[in-house]
Protein backbone atom coordinates (compact mmCIF):
# COMPACT_ATOMS: atom_id res chain seq x y z
CA MET A 1 12.41 -34.04 1.54
CA HIS A 2 15.48 -31.82 1.13
CA LYS A 3 14.39 -31.02 -2.42
CA ILE A 4 11.01 -29.69 -1.25
CA ALA A 5 12.60 -27.61 1.50
CA ALA A 6 15.09 -26.16 -1.00
CA LEU A 7 12.27 -25.23 -3.40
CA ILE A 8 10.40 -23.47 -0.61
CA VAL A 9 13.49 -21.46 0.33
CA VAL A 10 14.14 -20.53 -3.33
CA GLY A 11 10.51 -19.45 -3.71
CA GLN A 12 10.76 -17.26 -0.63
CA VAL A 13 13.98 -15.65 -1.86
CA LEU A 14 12.51 -14.93 -5.29
CA THR A 15 9.39 -13.42 -3.75
CA ALA A 16 11.44 -11.27 -1.36
CA GLY A 17 13.69 -10.23 -4.25
CA GLY A 18 10.68 -9.10 -6.26
CA VAL A 19 9.42 -6.99 -3.39
CA ALA A 20 12.88 -5.60 -2.71
CA SER A 21 13.37 -4.61 -6.34
CA ALA A 22 10.02 -2.78 -6.33
CA TYR A 23 10.99 -0.78 -3.26
CA GLY A 24 14.70 -0.32 -3.93
CA GLY A 25 16.61 1.32 -6.74
CA ARG A 26 16.18 4.87 -7.98
CA TRP A 27 12.89 6.63 -7.30
CA LEU A 28 12.15 10.19 -8.39
CA VAL A 29 9.58 12.56 -7.00
CA VAL A 30 8.15 14.43 -9.96
CA GLU A 31 5.53 17.15 -10.11
CA ASP A 32 2.92 17.58 -12.82
CA LEU A 33 3.07 21.36 -13.23
CA THR A 34 -0.45 21.55 -14.69
CA ASP A 35 -2.15 20.49 -11.44
CA GLN A 36 0.75 20.52 -8.91
CA THR A 37 0.41 16.78 -8.23
CA CYS A 38 3.49 14.88 -7.02
CA TYR A 39 4.22 11.28 -8.03
CA ARG A 40 6.88 8.63 -7.33
CA MET A 41 8.37 7.32 -10.57
CA THR A 42 11.47 5.52 -11.72
CA GLU A 43 12.13 8.00 -14.53
CA LEU A 44 11.11 11.53 -15.49
CA PRO A 45 8.19 11.45 -17.96
CA ASP A 46 8.46 13.05 -21.38
CA GLY A 47 7.06 16.51 -21.91
CA LYS A 48 7.64 20.00 -20.58
CA ASN A 49 5.00 19.97 -17.84
CA TRP A 50 7.05 17.79 -15.43
CA ARG A 51 9.56 18.92 -12.82
CA GLN A 52 11.85 16.63 -10.83
CA LEU A 53 11.79 17.49 -7.12
CA GLY A 54 13.90 14.72 -5.61
CA ASP A 55 15.97 11.60 -6.22
CA PHE A 56 15.75 8.77 -3.64
CA ASN A 57 17.04 5.25 -3.06
CA THR A 58 13.72 3.70 -2.08
CA PHE A 59 10.02 3.94 -2.89
CA ARG A 60 9.34 4.64 0.77
CA GLN A 61 11.84 7.53 1.01
CA ALA A 62 10.20 9.19 -1.98
CA GLY A 63 6.76 8.78 -0.41
CA MET A 64 7.95 10.19 2.91
CA TRP A 65 9.41 13.22 1.12
CA ILE A 66 6.09 13.85 -0.63
CA TRP A 67 4.23 13.51 2.68
CA GLU A 68 6.59 15.96 4.40
CA HIS A 69 6.10 18.52 1.60
CA ARG A 70 2.32 18.13 1.26
CA GLY A 71 1.59 21.69 2.33
CA GLY A 72 4.22 23.41 0.22
CA LEU A 73 5.46 21.84 -2.99
CA CYS A 74 3.06 18.90 -3.28
CA HIS A 75 -0.53 20.06 -3.06
CA SER A 76 -1.89 16.75 -4.31
CA SER A 77 -0.57 13.19 -4.53
CA PRO A 78 -1.73 9.56 -4.46
CA VAL A 79 0.35 9.32 -1.24
CA PHE A 80 -2.30 11.39 0.55
CA SER A 81 -5.15 9.01 -0.28
């Protein structure tokens, strides 16, 4: 019985760790200069048509920044959908 309970706890920790790693770490807000669309990414894409607008600790912080700048810098973004 203890073995099953331990496996359940390990499974929950691994699942939570996967979610945490997706939302934590380094997230950039980048703008595609061709259509002024802002995206959250973990690294700046190759090419000259990208501009980095912000560097954040979480996925959510980056999304909130895009939302707060939707009328000025970010005219379009998947965050607005």
